[in-house]
Amino acid sequence: MKNFCYAICVAIGALTLTVCAAESTAITSNAASSPHTAQDMGNLYYDTGKDCGGNTAPAFLCSGIIIRETARPVAGQSYYFWQPSPSSLHEGAVSFSYIRHDARFDKFKSNGSHGYTLYPLLGKYRYSGSDRKIKLDVLCSFPLDGWTDYRQNEGCGPDTTYLKQSSPCQGQGITTAQQWLTQYKSGDGGLNQSNGLYQCGFDVSEGSKYGNTAQAFYATIQARDMFNDVSFQEQDELRLTVWTTDVDPSVLPIQSLFYIVANSNDDGGQGLKDAQDDQSDYYKVTNGGFIPIIRITLPQSSSSDFDFHFIASDQFVPIPSN
């Protein structure tokens, strides 16, 4: 788009968009440097499709946002935000969450203030040079935090405490949100229990032996919606295949860096600084690679939504001209 004003503010939650542009042009995600990333994320967030074109094409492939909170290294540690942790390497998978208009929560597991998001693999908002990016497969999904550190099989399998109940949902004959909720409520803590090991996770992996992974993932979303007042207070969980610590970060399908704010008066504080440090690390290691920092406002109630904003002054490294 010609003469695009980089001082852009995208208020997706209020369904408004303020831009400065000389002409009207279709907005796509052709460049990771595009300030349109915030609008793309908003469009993905409000796309509540059940699948991406078939029974084996779950909605996460083309809608919603796969998101991960991260932490900056403390004294004596040295690592980059894109590197998997030792535990993730051992387990063979990395934990993410999924946000969409029908999959909302008010905080991350560790009350994290920054992290990164991934491009979808399919659809209008996929990275245009996706052939240059490695594919990160989603293995399983949990309507609530799955306590996956304690589970077998990349965190998608059972835990010995509840060997039957914590095994993959479809293997127990659980294929719908109502069936999942009925089992979850049967635990000692009932609907308000805090033991994530009692729930089962849905196998949504490519080539799953259970078939219809699109329905399985949609059941994950529907289960949250069925008890939104409870699920709103806890994030969902996806497990993705792990990558190596020495991977070239430019081949990872990273869509954005983000920092969290509670409202319009929140300046981002340490979260913004950490996101800027992450952006600087990526820029240096990739010899000028740019990932936009997006300001994300958390929902304040179970009936409100995430907001996404690109702010030029938040960017710590030069914004590419195209």
Foldseek 3Di string as FASTA:
>chain_A
DPPWDLQWWFFLLVPDTDTDDPDDDDDFPADLLDQCLQVVQSVLQAPPDLADPDLLGASQQEHWWWWDFFDDDDPPDDAAQQFDDPLLVVLQWDKTFTHHLLAAAFAAPVSGFKHFIFARNDDRHHHPVLVLADDKWWFWKALFPQVQSQAHDSSQAAHPVQRVQAGAQVVVVHQALVSQLVQQQPDPVGPQDPDNRNGHIHGSTRPDPSTRSSSNVSRSSVNCNVCVQRSNHGTMIIIIGHDHRPDLVVNHRTNAMEGEDADPVGPRPPRLVVSQVSQVVNCVSNVGDGRFYWYWHHDPHSNTGIHITGGPVSHNDDRDPD
